[in-house]
Structure formats: C-alpha cells, structure tokens
C-alpha atoms as a PDB file:
ATOM      1  CA  MET A   1       0.000   0.000   0.000  1.00  0.00           C
ATOM      2  CA  GLY A   2       1.324   3.453  -0.892  1.00  0.00           C
ATOM      3  CA  ILE A   3       2.322   6.295   1.391  1.00  0.00           C
ATOM      4  CA  ILE A   4       0.795   9.759   1.068  1.00  0.00           C
ATOM      5  CA  HIS A   5       3.278  12.551   1.837  1.00  0.00           C
ATOM      6  CA  ILE A   6       1.781  15.990   2.520  1.00  0.00           C
ATOM      7  CA  VAL A   7       4.042  19.038   2.693  1.00  0.00           C
ATOM      8  CA  MET A   8       2.662  22.431   3.698  1.00  0.00           C
ATOM      9  CA  PHE A   9       4.478  25.758   3.468  1.00  0.00           C
ATOM     10  CA  GLY A  10       4.106  29.134   5.107  1.00  0.00           C
ATOM     11  CA  PHE A  11       6.280  31.729   3.398  1.00  0.00           C
ATOM     12  CA  LYS A  12       8.287  34.495   5.045  1.00  0.00           C
ATOM     13  CA  PRO A  13       6.495  37.856   4.967  1.00  0.00           C
ATOM     14  CA  LEU A  14       9.124  39.360   2.648  1.00  0.00           C
ATOM     15  CA  ALA A  15       9.018  36.487   0.144  1.00  0.00           C
ATOM     16  CA  THR A  16       8.251  37.885  -3.280  1.00  0.00           C
ATOM     17  CA  PRO A  17       5.524  36.411  -5.495  1.00  0.00           C
ATOM     18  CA  GLU A  18       8.312  35.229  -7.821  1.00  0.00           C
ATOM     19  CA  GLU A  19      10.056  33.377  -4.962  1.00  0.00           C
ATOM     20  CA  VAL A  20       6.782  31.756  -3.901  1.00  0.00           C
ATOM     21  CA  GLN A  21       6.151  30.685  -7.503  1.00  0.00           C
ATOM     22  CA  GLN A  22       9.700  29.313  -7.754  1.00  0.00           C
ATOM     23  CA  VAL A  23       9.248  27.189  -4.620  1.00  0.00           C
ATOM     24  CA  CYS A  24       5.866  25.896  -5.758  1.00  0.00           C
ATOM     25  CA  SER A  25       7.105  25.065  -9.246  1.00  0.00           C
ATOM     26  CA  GLY A  26      10.182  23.409  -7.757  1.00  0.00           C
ATOM     27  CA  MET A  27       8.068  21.261  -5.462  1.00  0.00           C
ATOM     28  CA  LEU A  28       5.891  20.049  -8.328  1.00  0.00           C
ATOM     29  CA  ALA A  29       8.927  19.468 -10.566  1.00  0.00           C
ATOM     30  CA  LEU A  30      10.232  16.853  -8.125  1.00  0.00           C
ATOM     31  CA  LYS A  31       7.851  14.314  -9.677  1.00  0.00           C
ATOM     32  CA  ASP A  32      10.006  14.295 -12.813  1.00  0.00           C
ATOM     33  CA  LYS A  33      13.363  15.139 -11.229  1.00  0.00           C
ATOM     34  CA  CYS A  34      13.395  12.425  -8.539  1.00  0.00           C
ATOM     35  CA  ILE A  35      14.828   9.340 -10.213  1.00  0.00           C
ATOM     36  CA  HIS A  36      14.858   5.915  -8.572  1.00  0.00           C
ATOM     37  CA  PRO A  37      18.461   4.724  -8.149  1.00  0.00           C
ATOM     38  CA  GLN A  38      17.704   1.196  -9.393  1.00  0.00           C
ATOM     39  CA  THR A  39      15.143   1.728 -12.157  1.00  0.00           C
ATOM     40  CA  ASN A  40      16.469   5.116 -13.325  1.00  0.00           C
ATOM     41  CA  LYS A  41      12.853   6.249 -13.682  1.00  0.00           C
ATOM     42  CA  PRO A  42      10.765   8.800 -11.767  1.00  0.00           C
ATOM     43  CA  TYR A  43       9.253   7.142  -8.691  1.00  0.00           C
ATOM     44  CA  LEU A  44       6.808   9.659  -7.223  1.00  0.00           C
ATOM     45  CA  LYS A  45       3.426   8.229  -8.180  1.00  0.00           C
ATOM     46  CA  THR A  46       1.531  11.491  -7.662  1.00  0.00           C
ATOM     47  CA  SER A  47       2.482  15.125  -7.174  1.00  0.00           C
ATOM     48  CA  VAL A  48      -0.144  17.849  -6.869  1.00  0.00           C
ATOM     49  CA  GLY A  49      -0.477  21.036  -4.901  1.00  0.00           C
ATOM     50  CA  GLY A  50      -1.309  24.699  -4.809  1.00  0.00           C
ATOM     51  CA  ALA A  51      -2.314  27.741  -2.794  1.00  0.00           C
ATOM     52  CA  ASP A  52      -4.731  27.424   0.098  1.00  0.00           C
ATOM     53  CA  SER A  53      -8.325  28.356  -0.659  1.00  0.00           C
ATOM     54  CA  SER A  54     -10.067  27.273   2.548  1.00  0.00           C
ATOM     55  CA  PRO A  55     -12.580  29.741   3.993  1.00  0.00           C
ATOM     56  CA  GLU A  56     -12.298  28.201   7.485  1.00  0.00           C
ATOM     57  CA  GLY A  57      -9.439  30.369   8.740  1.00  0.00           C
ATOM     58  CA  ARG A  58      -7.535  27.485  10.367  1.00  0.00           C
ATOM     59  CA  GLN A  59      -4.373  27.663   8.283  1.00  0.00           C
ATOM     60  CA  HIS A  60      -2.107  28.852  11.137  1.00  0.00           C
ATOM     61  CA  GLY A  61       0.378  30.450   8.757  1.00  0.00           C
ATOM     62  CA  ILE A  62       0.249  27.733   6.093  1.00  0.00           C
ATOM     63  CA  SER A  63      -0.473  29.107   2.616  1.00  0.00           C
ATOM     64  CA  HIS A  64       0.384  26.250   0.219  1.00  0.00           C
ATOM     65  CA  ALA A  65       0.035  22.458   0.346  1.00  0.00           C
ATOM     66  CA  PHE A  66       1.456  19.638  -1.768  1.00  0.00           C
ATOM     67  CA  LEU A  67       0.660  15.952  -1.882  1.00  0.00           C
ATOM     68  CA  SER A  68       2.997  13.261  -3.188  1.00  0.00           C
ATOM     69  CA  GLU A  69       2.544   9.510  -3.185  1.00  0.00           C
ATOM     70  CA  PHE A  70       5.212   6.853  -2.780  1.00  0.00           C
ATOM     71  CA  GLU A  71       4.858   3.164  -3.576  1.00  0.00           C
ATOM     72  CA  SER A  72       6.786   2.052  -0.488  1.00  0.00           C
ATOM     73  CA  GLN A  73       8.465   3.103   2.736  1.00  0.00           C
ATOM     74  CA  GLU A  74      11.811   2.428   1.046  1.00  0.00           C
ATOM     75  CA  ASP A  75      11.023   4.929  -1.715  1.00  0.00           C
ATOM     76  CA  ARG A  76       9.993   7.550   0.843  1.00  0.00           C
ATOM     77  CA  LYS A  77      13.158   6.910   2.872  1.00  0.00           C
ATOM     78  CA  TYR A  78      15.331   7.361  -0.223  1.00  0.00           C
ATOM     79  CA  TYR A  79      13.465  10.570  -1.114  1.00  0.00           C
ATOM     80  CA  ILE A  80      13.879  12.085   2.341  1.00  0.00           C
ATOM     81  CA  GLU A  81      17.437  10.993   3.049  1.00  0.00           C
ATOM     82  CA  LYS A  82      19.286  10.557  -0.249  1.00  0.00           C
ATOM     83  CA  ASP A  83      17.526  11.779  -3.374  1.00  0.00           C
ATOM     84  CA  PRO A  84      19.796  14.535  -4.732  1.00  0.00           C
ATOM     85  CA  ALA A  85      16.945  16.409  -6.445  1.00  0.00           C
ATOM     86  CA  HIS A  86      14.901  16.489  -3.238  1.00  0.00           C
ATOM     87  CA  LEU A  87      17.867  17.462  -1.058  1.00  0.00           C
ATOM     88  CA  GLU A  88      18.751  20.298  -3.463  1.00  0.00           C
ATOM     89  CA  PHE A  89      15.149  21.504  -3.381  1.00  0.00           C
ATOM     90  CA  VAL A  90      15.143  21.503   0.436  1.00  0.00           C
ATOM     91  CA  LYS A  91      18.230  23.745   0.436  1.00  0.00           C
ATOM     92  CA  SER A  92      16.663  26.060  -2.141  1.00  0.00           C
ATOM     93  CA  VAL A  93      13.722  27.044   0.082  1.00  0.00           C
ATOM     94  CA  ASP A  94      15.960  28.291   2.889  1.00  0.00           C
ATOM     95  CA  GLY A  95      15.312  31.971   3.441  1.00  0.00           C
ATOM     96  CA  ILE A  96      11.978  31.895   1.594  1.00  0.00           C
ATOM     97  CA  VAL A  97       9.881  29.439   3.590  1.00  0.00           C
ATOM     98  CA  GLU A  98       9.191  30.297   7.215  1.00  0.00           C
ATOM     99  CA  LYS A  99       7.141  27.254   8.199  1.00  0.00           C
ATOM    100  CA  ILE A 100       7.139  23.705   6.882  1.00  0.00           C
ATOM    101  CA  GLN A 101       4.748  21.069   8.108  1.00  0.00           C
ATOM    102  CA  VAL A 102       4.879  17.456   6.915  1.00  0.00           C
ATOM    103  CA  VAL A 103       2.332  14.684   7.458  1.00  0.00           C
ATOM    104  CA  ASP A 104       2.640  11.176   6.027  1.00  0.00           C
ATOM    105  CA  PHE A 105       0.041   8.421   6.168  1.00  0.00           C
ATOM    106  CA  THR A 106      -0.889   5.119   4.673  1.00  0.00           C
ATOM    107  CA  PRO A 107      -4.505   5.162   3.478  1.00  0.00           C
ATOM    108  CA  GLY A 108      -6.755   3.118   5.737  1.00  0.00           C
ATOM    109  CA  VAL A 109      -4.182   2.663   8.518  1.00  0.00           C
ATOM    110  CA  PHE A 110      -5.429   4.205  11.760  1.00  0.00           C
END
C-alpha cells in the first residue's frame, strides 16, 4: 500500500511572489526530477499542490500544500534521506519558507 506525503508551506512575509512561484514550481517538478536509483525512472506516483483556498481560517500560517505519493516506505526513505533532487530543493527554500509542516500516512491505517 502506498504512502501519502503531505508538505505544507508558510512563506516568510518578505518572500516575493516570484520566490513563492519558484518554490511551488520546484516542489511540483520533483515528480520528474526524482529518479529511482535502481530503475532510473521517476518514482513519485503522484504530485499535486497549490495555494490554500479554505474559507475556514484554520491555516495557522500555512499558505500552500502539496501531496505526493510513494509506492513504499523504502522509496519515501530514499526521497527524504538521499535523493539529490529532493535534497537540493530543500536547500533552495531556505530563506523563503518560514514554516514547513509534513504529514505522512498510509490510506486506511489508523
């Protein structure tokens, strides 16, 4: 069963619209840039995201959310710890993103 990986960003007050767009585009580009070390093919099954549009007012500083799906825990572990494209992206948001929140779950596991 796959793993859903949710990443939410709150940007620094002085982040420009161009910087926000760059981070968002970079996050979505990981689907094609993250290459499995054994198959040499992209391994993120799903990658979607965008700006918050909730009217509930419970965002607590989060303005953008992204959802990715991994086939296995091993793929997620590689992504988080070793994937060069992901690690480069993480470095690139320094100074632009003020708050990052991550939640992972396996559908149906409570």
